[in-house]
Amino acid sequence: MASRGYTKLNRNSANRKALIRDLATQLIMHEKIETSVVKAKEVRRTVEKLITKAKKGDLNSARLAEKTVRDLKIDDTYALTKLFTELGPRYKERNGGYTRIYKIGPRRGDSCPMAIIELV
């Protein structure tokens, strides 16, 4: 059976893209989030691409990343600024694999498998 490229997450395309954008922005700002295993695997794809763009550091990469990252501001730091000033230089020598996913067991309410995704 061939993979179709992404998981639908029981949402229409606009809601799914918004969810992935929000999770990616939260992961960039906090460097560690707790979510379901399926969502963690989906957001990993997006964050890996964003950090690779941040490693380039040119204007075109910033404009492409701006399409995905929300303009979230925490403690006088914007998510896009943090991506290009902190995370890009931090992973300059690393060739991919910027995130790590830990499975932490099922959620109490509905037994959904949960995970922690963090930046390495």
N, C-alpha and C. Protein backbone atom coordinates (compact mmCIF):
# COMPACT_ATOMS: atom_id res chain seq x y z
N MET A 1 0.84 -1.18 0.00
CA MET A 1 0.00 0.00 0.00
C MET A 1 0.89 1.25 0.00
N ALA A 2 0.65 2.13 -0.92
CA ALA A 2 1.47 3.34 -1.05
C ALA A 2 0.98 4.41 -0.08
N SER A 3 1.92 5.19 0.44
CA SER A 3 1.58 6.29 1.32
C SER A 3 1.01 7.44 0.51
N ARG A 4 0.05 8.14 1.06
CA ARG A 4 -0.53 9.26 0.31
C ARG A 4 0.12 10.59 0.67
N GLY A 5 1.14 10.58 1.52
CA GLY A 5 1.92 11.79 1.72
C GLY A 5 1.66 12.52 3.02
N TYR A 6 0.45 12.44 3.57
CA TYR A 6 0.16 13.14 4.82
C TYR A 6 -1.02 12.46 5.50
N THR A 7 -1.21 12.77 6.76
CA THR A 7 -2.33 12.25 7.53
C THR A 7 -3.43 13.31 7.58
N LYS A 8 -4.67 12.89 7.43
CA LYS A 8 -5.77 13.85 7.36
C LYS A 8 -6.15 14.43 8.71
N LEU A 9 -5.89 13.71 9.80
CA LEU A 9 -6.18 14.19 11.16
C LEU A 9 -7.65 14.53 11.37
N ASN A 10 -8.54 13.90 10.63
CA ASN A 10 -9.99 14.10 10.74
C ASN A 10 -10.40 15.57 10.60
N ARG A 11 -9.74 16.30 9.72
CA ARG A 11 -10.05 17.71 9.50
C ARG A 11 -10.06 17.99 8.01
N ASN A 12 -10.73 19.09 7.64
CA ASN A 12 -10.63 19.50 6.25
C ASN A 12 -9.27 20.18 6.04
N SER A 13 -8.93 20.49 4.83
CA SER A 13 -7.57 20.93 4.53
C SER A 13 -7.21 22.25 5.22
N ALA A 14 -8.15 23.18 5.29
CA ALA A 14 -7.85 24.48 5.92
C ALA A 14 -7.60 24.31 7.42
N ASN A 15 -8.44 23.52 8.08
CA ASN A 15 -8.25 23.31 9.52
C ASN A 15 -6.98 22.53 9.80
N ARG A 16 -6.66 21.56 8.94
CA ARG A 16 -5.45 20.76 9.13
C ARG A 16 -4.20 21.62 8.97
N LYS A 17 -4.18 22.46 7.95
CA LYS A 17 -3.02 23.35 7.75
C LYS A 17 -2.88 24.33 8.91
N ALA A 18 -3.99 24.84 9.41
CA ALA A 18 -3.94 25.77 10.54
C ALA A 18 -3.41 25.06 11.78
N LEU A 19 -3.84 23.83 12.02
CA LEU A 19 -3.35 23.06 13.17
C LEU A 19 -1.85 22.83 13.07
N ILE A 20 -1.37 22.43 11.91
CA ILE A 20 0.06 22.17 11.72
C ILE A 20 0.86 23.46 11.89
N ARG A 21 0.36 24.56 11.35
CA ARG A 21 1.04 25.86 11.51
C ARG A 21 1.14 26.25 12.98
N ASP A 22 0.03 26.08 13.71
CA ASP A 22 0.02 26.45 15.13
C ASP A 22 0.97 25.57 15.94
N LEU A 23 0.94 24.26 15.69
CA LEU A 23 1.83 23.36 16.41
C LEU A 23 3.30 23.65 16.08
N ALA A 24 3.58 23.93 14.82
CA ALA A 24 4.96 24.24 14.42
C ALA A 24 5.44 25.53 15.09
N THR A 25 4.58 26.54 15.15
CA THR A 25 4.95 27.80 15.80
C THR A 25 5.18 27.60 17.29
N GLN A 26 4.32 26.81 17.93
CA GLN A 26 4.48 26.54 19.36
C GLN A 26 5.77 25.77 19.63
N LEU A 27 6.11 24.83 18.74
CA LEU A 27 7.34 24.07 18.92
C LEU A 27 8.57 24.97 18.76
N ILE A 28 8.51 25.91 17.82
CA ILE A 28 9.62 26.84 17.63
C ILE A 28 9.78 27.73 18.87
N MET A 29 8.66 28.21 19.41
CA MET A 29 8.74 29.12 20.55
C MET A 29 9.13 28.43 21.85
N HIS A 30 8.56 27.26 22.11
CA HIS A 30 8.77 26.60 23.40
C HIS A 30 9.80 25.48 23.33
N GLU A 31 10.15 25.04 22.14
CA GLU A 31 11.14 23.99 21.86
C GLU A 31 10.72 22.63 22.40
N LYS A 32 9.51 22.52 22.92
CA LYS A 32 9.02 21.24 23.44
C LYS A 32 7.52 21.36 23.62
N ILE A 33 6.74 20.44 23.03
CA ILE A 33 5.29 20.44 23.20
C ILE A 33 4.80 19.01 23.39
N GLU A 34 3.63 18.88 23.99
CA GLU A 34 3.00 17.58 24.19
C GLU A 34 1.77 17.52 23.31
N THR A 35 1.66 16.48 22.50
CA THR A 35 0.54 16.33 21.59
C THR A 35 0.37 14.85 21.29
N SER A 36 -0.57 14.51 20.41
CA SER A 36 -0.74 13.11 20.05
C SER A 36 0.40 12.65 19.15
N VAL A 37 0.62 11.35 19.09
CA VAL A 37 1.73 10.80 18.31
C VAL A 37 1.57 11.15 16.82
N VAL A 38 0.35 11.04 16.31
CA VAL A 38 0.10 11.30 14.89
C VAL A 38 0.36 12.77 14.56
N LYS A 39 -0.10 13.67 15.41
CA LYS A 39 0.14 15.10 15.19
C LYS A 39 1.62 15.42 15.30
N ALA A 40 2.31 14.77 16.23
CA ALA A 40 3.75 15.01 16.40
C ALA A 40 4.51 14.60 15.15
N LYS A 41 4.14 13.48 14.57
CA LYS A 41 4.82 13.02 13.35
C LYS A 41 4.54 13.96 12.17
N GLU A 42 3.34 14.51 12.12
CA GLU A 42 3.01 15.45 11.04
C GLU A 42 3.74 16.78 11.22
N VAL A 43 3.78 17.29 12.45
CA VAL A 43 4.41 18.60 12.67
C VAL A 43 5.92 18.49 12.51
N ARG A 44 6.48 17.30 12.74
CA ARG A 44 7.92 17.12 12.56
C ARG A 44 8.33 17.42 11.12
N ARG A 45 7.53 16.98 10.16
CA ARG A 45 7.84 17.23 8.75
C ARG A 45 7.95 18.73 8.47
N THR A 46 7.01 19.48 9.00
CA THR A 46 6.99 20.93 8.76
C THR A 46 8.15 21.62 9.45
N VAL A 47 8.42 21.28 10.71
CA VAL A 47 9.47 21.95 11.47
C VAL A 47 10.85 21.64 10.88
N GLU A 48 11.06 20.42 10.42
CA GLU A 48 12.35 20.06 9.82
C GLU A 48 12.60 20.94 8.58
N LYS A 49 11.59 21.14 7.78
CA LYS A 49 11.73 21.98 6.58
C LYS A 49 11.98 23.44 6.96
N LEU A 50 11.29 23.92 8.00
CA LEU A 50 11.48 25.31 8.44
C LEU A 50 12.89 25.55 8.95
N ILE A 51 13.43 24.63 9.72
CA ILE A 51 14.78 24.81 10.25
C ILE A 51 15.81 24.75 9.12
N THR A 52 15.57 23.89 8.13
CA THR A 52 16.47 23.83 6.98
C THR A 52 16.46 25.17 6.24
N LYS A 53 15.29 25.79 6.12
CA LYS A 53 15.22 27.12 5.49
C LYS A 53 15.94 28.15 6.35
N ALA A 54 15.81 28.04 7.66
CA ALA A 54 16.46 28.99 8.57
C ALA A 54 17.98 28.85 8.50
N LYS A 55 18.48 27.67 8.22
CA LYS A 55 19.92 27.48 8.09
C LYS A 55 20.47 28.25 6.90
N LYS A 56 19.69 28.34 5.83
CA LYS A 56 20.13 29.14 4.67
C LYS A 56 20.22 30.61 5.06
N GLY A 57 19.17 31.11 5.69
CA GLY A 57 19.19 32.46 6.22
C GLY A 57 19.01 33.58 5.22
N ASP A 58 18.67 33.28 3.96
CA ASP A 58 18.50 34.35 2.98
C ASP A 58 17.07 34.88 3.00
N LEU A 59 16.83 35.93 2.25
CA LEU A 59 15.53 36.60 2.25
C LEU A 59 14.43 35.70 1.71
N ASN A 60 14.72 34.95 0.66
CA ASN A 60 13.71 34.07 0.09
C ASN A 60 13.29 33.00 1.09
N SER A 61 14.23 32.44 1.81
CA SER A 61 13.90 31.44 2.83
C SER A 61 13.03 32.04 3.93
N ALA A 62 13.32 33.28 4.30
CA ALA A 62 12.53 33.95 5.34
C ALA A 62 11.10 34.17 4.85
N ARG A 63 10.95 34.54 3.61
CA ARG A 63 9.60 34.76 3.07
C ARG A 63 8.83 33.46 2.95
N LEU A 64 9.50 32.38 2.59
CA LEU A 64 8.83 31.08 2.51
C LEU A 64 8.44 30.59 3.90
N ALA A 65 9.31 30.80 4.88
CA ALA A 65 9.00 30.38 6.25
C ALA A 65 7.88 31.22 6.84
N GLU A 66 7.78 32.46 6.41
CA GLU A 66 6.75 33.36 6.93
C GLU A 66 5.35 32.88 6.55
N LYS A 67 5.24 32.10 5.48
CA LYS A 67 3.95 31.55 5.08
C LYS A 67 3.45 30.53 6.10
N THR A 68 4.36 29.87 6.78
CA THR A 68 3.98 28.81 7.71
C THR A 68 3.96 29.27 9.16
N VAL A 69 4.97 30.01 9.58
CA VAL A 69 5.10 30.39 10.99
C VAL A 69 4.18 31.57 11.29
N ARG A 70 3.40 31.44 12.36
CA ARG A 70 2.53 32.54 12.79
C ARG A 70 3.37 33.59 13.51
N ASP A 71 2.87 34.81 13.56
CA ASP A 71 3.63 35.90 14.19
C ASP A 71 3.36 35.94 15.69
N LEU A 72 3.63 34.83 16.34
CA LEU A 72 3.45 34.72 17.78
C LEU A 72 4.59 35.43 18.49
N LYS A 73 4.25 36.19 19.54
CA LYS A 73 5.25 36.92 20.31
C LYS A 73 5.18 36.51 21.77
N ILE A 74 6.28 35.97 22.28
CA ILE A 74 6.38 35.59 23.68
C ILE A 74 7.67 36.19 24.23
N ASP A 75 7.56 36.93 25.32
CA ASP A 75 8.72 37.57 25.96
C ASP A 75 9.53 38.41 24.98
N ASP A 76 8.86 39.26 24.23
CA ASP A 76 9.49 40.17 23.27
C ASP A 76 10.27 39.45 22.18
N THR A 77 9.93 38.21 21.88
CA THR A 77 10.57 37.48 20.80
C THR A 77 9.50 36.93 19.87
N TYR A 78 9.64 37.19 18.58
CA TYR A 78 8.73 36.64 17.59
C TYR A 78 9.22 35.28 17.15
N ALA A 79 8.28 34.42 16.74
CA ALA A 79 8.63 33.05 16.35
C ALA A 79 9.56 33.04 15.14
N LEU A 80 9.28 33.85 14.14
CA LEU A 80 10.11 33.87 12.93
C LEU A 80 11.51 34.39 13.24
N THR A 81 11.60 35.39 14.11
CA THR A 81 12.90 35.92 14.51
C THR A 81 13.71 34.87 15.25
N LYS A 82 13.05 34.15 16.15
CA LYS A 82 13.74 33.10 16.89
C LYS A 82 14.22 32.00 15.94
N LEU A 83 13.39 31.66 14.97
CA LEU A 83 13.75 30.62 14.00
C LEU A 83 15.03 30.98 13.26
N PHE A 84 15.14 32.23 12.82
CA PHE A 84 16.29 32.61 11.98
C PHE A 84 17.50 33.10 12.78
N THR A 85 17.30 33.61 14.00
CA THR A 85 18.45 34.10 14.76
C THR A 85 19.01 33.07 15.74
N GLU A 86 18.16 32.18 16.26
CA GLU A 86 18.63 31.19 17.24
C GLU A 86 18.71 29.79 16.65
N LEU A 87 17.61 29.29 16.09
CA LEU A 87 17.56 27.90 15.68
C LEU A 87 18.38 27.63 14.42
N GLY A 88 18.35 28.53 13.46
CA GLY A 88 19.14 28.34 12.24
C GLY A 88 20.63 28.19 12.53
N PRO A 89 21.24 29.15 13.24
CA PRO A 89 22.66 29.02 13.57
C PRO A 89 22.96 27.84 14.50
N ARG A 90 22.01 27.48 15.37
CA ARG A 90 22.26 26.36 16.29
C ARG A 90 22.44 25.04 15.54
N TYR A 91 21.68 24.85 14.47
CA TYR A 91 21.73 23.60 13.72
C TYR A 91 22.52 23.72 12.41
N LYS A 92 23.39 24.70 12.32
CA LYS A 92 24.15 24.95 11.09
C LYS A 92 24.96 23.73 10.66
N GLU A 93 25.56 23.02 11.62
CA GLU A 93 26.42 21.88 11.30
C GLU A 93 25.65 20.55 11.26
N ARG A 94 24.38 20.57 11.57
CA ARG A 94 23.61 19.32 11.63
C ARG A 94 22.86 19.11 10.33
N ASN A 95 22.92 17.90 9.80
CA ASN A 95 22.26 17.58 8.53
C ASN A 95 20.93 16.87 8.77
N GLY A 96 19.94 17.61 9.22
CA GLY A 96 18.62 17.04 9.44
C GLY A 96 18.50 16.41 10.82
N GLY A 97 17.31 15.91 11.13
CA GLY A 97 17.07 15.29 12.42
C GLY A 97 17.10 16.28 13.56
N TYR A 98 16.33 17.37 13.43
CA TYR A 98 16.35 18.43 14.43
C TYR A 98 15.36 18.18 15.56
N THR A 99 14.46 17.21 15.39
CA THR A 99 13.43 16.97 16.39
C THR A 99 13.52 15.54 16.91
N ARG A 100 12.96 15.35 18.10
CA ARG A 100 12.92 14.03 18.73
C ARG A 100 11.53 13.85 19.28
N ILE A 101 10.97 12.64 19.11
CA ILE A 101 9.62 12.33 19.59
C ILE A 101 9.72 11.23 20.64
N TYR A 102 9.17 11.50 21.83
CA TYR A 102 9.08 10.52 22.91
C TYR A 102 7.63 10.13 23.07
N LYS A 103 7.33 8.86 23.06
CA LYS A 103 5.97 8.41 23.35
C LYS A 103 5.81 8.32 24.86
N ILE A 104 4.71 8.88 25.37
CA ILE A 104 4.52 8.95 26.83
C ILE A 104 3.29 8.19 27.30
N GLY A 105 2.69 7.38 26.44
CA GLY A 105 1.55 6.57 26.87
C GLY A 105 0.22 7.20 26.50
N PRO A 106 -0.86 6.51 26.83
CA PRO A 106 -2.19 6.99 26.43
C PRO A 106 -2.71 8.12 27.32
N ARG A 107 -3.55 8.96 26.72
CA ARG A 107 -4.22 10.03 27.46
C ARG A 107 -5.34 9.41 28.29
N ARG A 108 -5.62 9.99 29.45
CA ARG A 108 -6.60 9.39 30.36
C ARG A 108 -8.01 9.37 29.80
N GLY A 109 -8.44 10.45 29.18
CA GLY A 109 -9.83 10.56 28.77
C GLY A 109 -10.24 9.63 27.65
N ASP A 110 -9.42 9.54 26.60
CA ASP A 110 -9.82 8.76 25.42
C ASP A 110 -8.77 7.76 24.96
N SER A 111 -7.72 7.56 25.75
CA SER A 111 -6.65 6.59 25.45
C SER A 111 -5.93 6.89 24.14
N CYS A 112 -5.90 8.15 23.74
CA CYS A 112 -5.15 8.55 22.55
C CYS A 112 -3.66 8.46 22.87
N PRO A 113 -2.86 7.81 22.02
CA PRO A 113 -1.42 7.73 22.29
C PRO A 113 -0.78 9.13 22.23
N MET A 114 -0.11 9.51 23.30
CA MET A 114 0.45 10.84 23.42
C MET A 114 1.97 10.80 23.26
N ALA A 115 2.54 11.96 22.90
CA ALA A 115 3.98 12.04 22.69
C ALA A 115 4.45 13.45 23.04
N ILE A 116 5.73 13.55 23.33
CA ILE A 116 6.40 14.84 23.50
C ILE A 116 7.33 14.99 22.31
N ILE A 117 7.19 16.10 21.60
CA ILE A 117 8.12 16.40 20.50
C ILE A 117 8.97 17.58 20.95
N GLU A 118 10.27 17.46 20.77
CA GLU A 118 11.17 18.52 21.20
C GLU A 118 12.28 18.69 20.19
N LEU A 119 12.90 19.87 20.23
CA LEU A 119 14.06 20.13 19.40
C LEU A 119 15.28 19.51 20.07
N VAL A 120 16.14 18.90 19.27
CA VAL A 120 17.32 18.21 19.80
C VAL A 120 18.31 19.23 20.32
